[in-house]
Amino acid sequence: MMRKTMGDNVKIVSVLVAIVLLASLSACAGNPAANTQSQGASAAAGTAIPTPTPTPTPTAMSVAEAGQFYLSVMCKSNKVADSMNASVEAHPFVLAAADRDTALYRDAIKASIQQLSAPPRAWPDVVAADVNAFLDGLYGELTHAASAALSTTQQGYFAEWNAWNNPSAPDPSHVAAQKIRLKLGLSADAVASCGP
């Protein structure tokens, strides 16, 4: 019978530890065929084409909401227009006052364009095309107001004013504004609909 020494015990323990480690590692590795299949499935899942989420259609304002929004924007610029008109019709005419008030109107029209172009919700279909036509007309108003506000002479101011307010060619923004007012159930009188 052979006698075991301490060195033999260390060898046996070392061999047992190696066997346990190999068994553990092979358990972690698992079935190579199964791993290849699961990797293929994950790759296929990763390359699947996602279904696009449709963009939600914005809800349009009601006719009443659109009317309130329209007035909330336009009544501000209409009041500034009243001040400009008073400066133009003043006797005696003061160019500095007319230029100042026309510049204020220019800025009010610009703000109106920005607000009407980005309403809180979409315009109702009944006025959407009219609002676009109105905005196009307001760009003309903005151009004339900007030019008139830079006038350095009374003659220059009135030349621009008369070109702007040509009675033989109605302003497209005024025509579109009346269409919007009619379709939204608002008064045709811009002054009365804005109140005092």
Protein backbone atom coordinates (compact mmCIF):
# COMPACT_ATOMS: atom_id res chain seq x y z
CA MET A 1 0.00 0.00 0.00
CA MET A 2 1.25 3.38 -0.87
CA ARG A 3 1.42 6.13 1.54
CA LYS A 4 0.08 9.54 0.54
CA THR A 5 2.12 12.51 1.31
CA MET A 6 1.09 16.09 1.75
CA GLY A 7 2.29 16.84 -1.78
CA ASP A 8 -0.05 14.17 -3.13
CA ASN A 9 -3.00 15.85 -1.34
CA VAL A 10 -2.09 19.18 -2.91
CA LYS A 11 -2.00 17.57 -6.34
CA ILE A 12 -5.40 15.96 -5.81
CA VAL A 13 -6.91 19.24 -4.62
CA SER A 14 -5.35 21.07 -7.58
CA VAL A 15 -6.76 18.53 -10.02
CA LEU A 16 -10.22 18.80 -8.39
CA VAL A 17 -10.14 22.61 -8.57
CA ALA A 18 -9.15 22.42 -12.26
CA ILE A 19 -12.00 20.01 -12.99
CA VAL A 20 -14.51 22.23 -11.19
CA LEU A 21 -13.25 25.30 -13.08
CA LEU A 22 -13.47 23.53 -16.44
CA ALA A 23 -16.98 22.35 -15.65
CA SER A 24 -17.99 25.86 -14.65
CA LEU A 25 -16.55 27.40 -17.79
CA SER A 26 -18.19 24.85 -20.05
CA ALA A 27 -21.54 25.49 -18.31
CA CYS A 28 -21.14 29.22 -18.98
CA ALA A 29 -20.33 28.58 -22.60
CA GLY A 30 -23.42 26.40 -22.96
CA ASN A 31 -24.31 24.63 -26.17
CA PRO A 32 -22.35 26.24 -29.03
CA ALA A 33 -25.09 25.43 -31.55
CA ALA A 34 -27.73 27.03 -29.32
CA ASN A 35 -25.53 30.11 -28.86
CA THR A 36 -25.12 30.47 -32.63
CA GLN A 37 -28.89 30.20 -33.10
CA SER A 38 -29.67 32.79 -30.41
CA GLN A 39 -27.07 35.18 -31.84
CA GLY A 40 -28.64 34.76 -35.29
CA ALA A 41 -32.09 35.45 -33.85
CA SER A 42 -30.83 38.59 -32.09
CA ALA A 43 -29.14 39.81 -35.23
CA ALA A 44 -32.34 39.24 -37.19
CA ALA A 45 -34.34 41.08 -34.54
CA GLY A 46 -31.82 43.94 -34.62
CA THR A 47 -32.14 44.35 -38.37
CA ALA A 48 -35.93 44.24 -38.44
CA ILE A 49 -37.40 47.38 -40.02
CA PRO A 50 -39.40 49.26 -37.40
CA THR A 51 -42.93 50.31 -38.24
CA PRO A 52 -43.04 54.12 -38.37
CA THR A 53 -45.37 55.80 -35.95
CA PRO A 54 -47.77 58.01 -37.87
CA THR A 55 -47.58 61.71 -37.15
CA PRO A 56 -50.72 62.71 -35.28
CA THR A 57 -53.03 65.06 -37.15
CA PRO A 58 -53.35 68.30 -35.19
CA THR A 59 -56.81 69.12 -33.98
CA ALA A 60 -58.13 72.27 -35.59
CA MET A 61 -59.54 75.13 -33.54
CA SER A 62 -63.31 75.36 -33.48
CA VAL A 63 -64.83 78.26 -35.42
CA ALA A 64 -65.49 80.07 -32.13
CA GLU A 65 -61.92 79.51 -30.88
CA ALA A 66 -60.51 80.66 -34.22
CA GLY A 67 -62.64 83.82 -34.05
CA GLN A 68 -61.40 84.61 -30.54
CA PHE A 69 -57.79 83.97 -31.52
CA TYR A 70 -58.11 86.08 -34.67
CA LEU A 71 -59.51 89.02 -32.70
CA SER A 72 -56.91 88.65 -29.93
CA VAL A 73 -54.19 89.11 -32.55
CA MET A 74 -55.76 91.64 -34.90
CA CYS A 75 -57.34 93.97 -32.36
CA LYS A 76 -53.85 94.87 -31.11
CA SER A 77 -52.59 95.85 -34.57
CA ASN A 78 -55.90 97.59 -35.38
CA LYS A 79 -55.43 99.88 -32.36
CA VAL A 80 -51.92 100.72 -33.51
CA ALA A 81 -53.33 101.39 -37.01
CA ASP A 82 -55.83 103.83 -35.46
CA SER A 83 -52.95 105.79 -33.90
CA MET A 84 -51.07 105.79 -37.20
CA ASN A 85 -54.16 107.03 -39.08
CA ALA A 86 -54.64 109.80 -36.52
CA SER A 87 -51.03 110.93 -37.07
CA VAL A 88 -51.48 110.93 -40.84
CA GLU A 89 -54.72 112.91 -40.65
CA ALA A 90 -53.45 115.40 -38.05
CA HIS A 91 -53.52 119.09 -38.89
CA PRO A 92 -50.83 120.18 -39.05
CA PHE A 93 -49.15 117.00 -40.29
CA VAL A 94 -46.03 116.14 -38.25
CA LEU A 95 -43.68 113.85 -40.16
CA ALA A 96 -41.84 112.64 -37.05
CA ALA A 97 -45.13 111.52 -35.44
CA ALA A 98 -46.32 109.83 -38.63
CA ASP A 99 -42.98 108.02 -39.06
CA ARG A 100 -43.02 106.92 -35.41
CA ASP A 101 -46.61 105.65 -35.50
CA THR A 102 -46.09 103.96 -38.87
CA ALA A 103 -43.01 102.18 -37.48
CA LEU A 104 -45.13 101.00 -34.54
CA TYR A 105 -47.74 99.74 -37.01
CA ARG A 106 -45.01 97.96 -39.00
CA ASP A 107 -43.93 96.17 -35.81
CA ALA A 108 -47.53 95.31 -34.91
CA ILE A 109 -48.14 93.84 -38.38
CA LYS A 110 -44.96 91.78 -38.08
CA ALA A 111 -46.15 90.43 -34.71
CA SER A 112 -49.58 89.67 -36.21
CA ILE A 113 -47.99 87.75 -39.08
CA GLN A 114 -45.92 85.70 -36.64
CA GLN A 115 -48.89 84.91 -34.39
CA LEU A 116 -51.34 84.11 -37.19
CA SER A 117 -48.71 81.89 -38.85
CA ALA A 118 -48.29 79.83 -35.66
CA PRO A 119 -51.73 79.50 -34.05
CA PRO A 120 -52.12 77.37 -30.90
CA ARG A 121 -53.88 74.76 -33.07
CA ALA A 122 -54.60 74.48 -36.77
CA TRP A 123 -57.04 76.91 -38.39
CA PRO A 124 -60.44 75.38 -39.21
CA ASP A 125 -60.68 74.25 -42.83
CA VAL A 126 -63.40 76.83 -43.49
CA VAL A 127 -60.85 79.68 -43.17
CA ALA A 128 -57.43 78.07 -43.67
CA ALA A 129 -57.04 79.27 -47.27
CA ASP A 130 -58.36 82.74 -46.36
CA VAL A 131 -55.86 83.03 -43.51
CA ASN A 132 -53.03 82.21 -45.93
CA ALA A 133 -54.31 84.86 -48.36
CA PHE A 134 -54.62 87.31 -45.47
CA LEU A 135 -51.02 86.62 -44.41
CA ASP A 136 -49.82 87.23 -47.98
CA GLY A 137 -51.66 90.57 -47.93
CA LEU A 138 -50.15 91.45 -44.55
CA TYR A 139 -46.68 91.07 -46.02
CA GLY A 140 -47.66 93.84 -48.45
CA GLU A 141 -48.86 95.96 -45.50
CA LEU A 142 -45.57 95.30 -43.74
CA THR A 143 -43.59 96.37 -46.80
CA HIS A 144 -45.54 99.63 -47.25
CA ALA A 145 -45.42 100.46 -43.54
CA ALA A 146 -41.66 99.84 -43.45
CA SER A 147 -41.13 102.16 -46.44
CA ALA A 148 -43.42 104.90 -45.15
CA ALA A 149 -41.80 104.82 -41.69
CA LEU A 150 -38.45 105.67 -43.28
CA SER A 151 -39.74 108.75 -45.10
CA THR A 152 -37.65 111.85 -44.63
CA THR A 153 -40.07 114.31 -46.23
CA GLN A 154 -43.80 114.89 -46.09
CA GLN A 155 -43.99 114.48 -49.86
CA GLY A 156 -42.16 111.13 -49.65
CA TYR A 157 -44.43 109.94 -46.85
CA PHE A 158 -47.62 110.77 -48.75
CA ALA A 159 -46.31 109.24 -51.96
CA GLU A 160 -45.80 105.96 -50.10
CA TRP A 161 -49.11 106.35 -48.26
CA ASN A 162 -51.03 106.88 -51.51
CA ALA A 163 -49.39 103.88 -53.17
CA TRP A 164 -50.27 101.82 -50.10
CA ASN A 165 -53.88 102.97 -49.92
CA ASN A 166 -54.79 102.99 -53.60
CA PRO A 167 -58.61 102.99 -53.77
CA SER A 168 -58.63 101.60 -57.32
CA ALA A 169 -56.88 98.39 -56.14
CA PRO A 170 -58.38 97.07 -52.89
CA ASP A 171 -55.80 95.77 -50.47
CA PRO A 172 -55.79 91.95 -50.63
CA SER A 173 -55.41 91.71 -46.86
CA HIS A 174 -58.59 93.74 -46.35
CA VAL A 175 -60.55 91.46 -48.70
CA ALA A 176 -59.21 88.30 -47.02
CA ALA A 177 -59.90 89.78 -43.56
CA GLN A 178 -63.56 90.28 -44.45
CA LYS A 179 -63.80 86.68 -45.69
CA ILE A 180 -62.30 85.45 -42.42
CA ARG A 181 -64.64 87.63 -40.36
CA LEU A 182 -67.70 86.43 -42.28
CA LYS A 183 -66.77 82.72 -42.04
CA LEU A 184 -65.91 82.98 -38.33
CA GLY A 185 -69.14 84.81 -37.53
CA LEU A 186 -67.38 88.05 -36.57
CA SER A 187 -68.56 91.56 -37.20
CA ALA A 188 -67.37 93.11 -40.48
CA ASP A 189 -66.63 96.25 -38.45
CA ALA A 190 -63.04 95.85 -37.27
CA VAL A 191 -63.38 98.70 -34.78
CA ALA A 192 -66.64 97.53 -33.22
CA SER A 193 -65.53 93.88 -32.97
CA CYS A 194 -62.50 94.93 -30.93
CA GLY A 195 -64.50 96.95 -28.45
CA PRO A 196 -63.49 100.23 -26.83
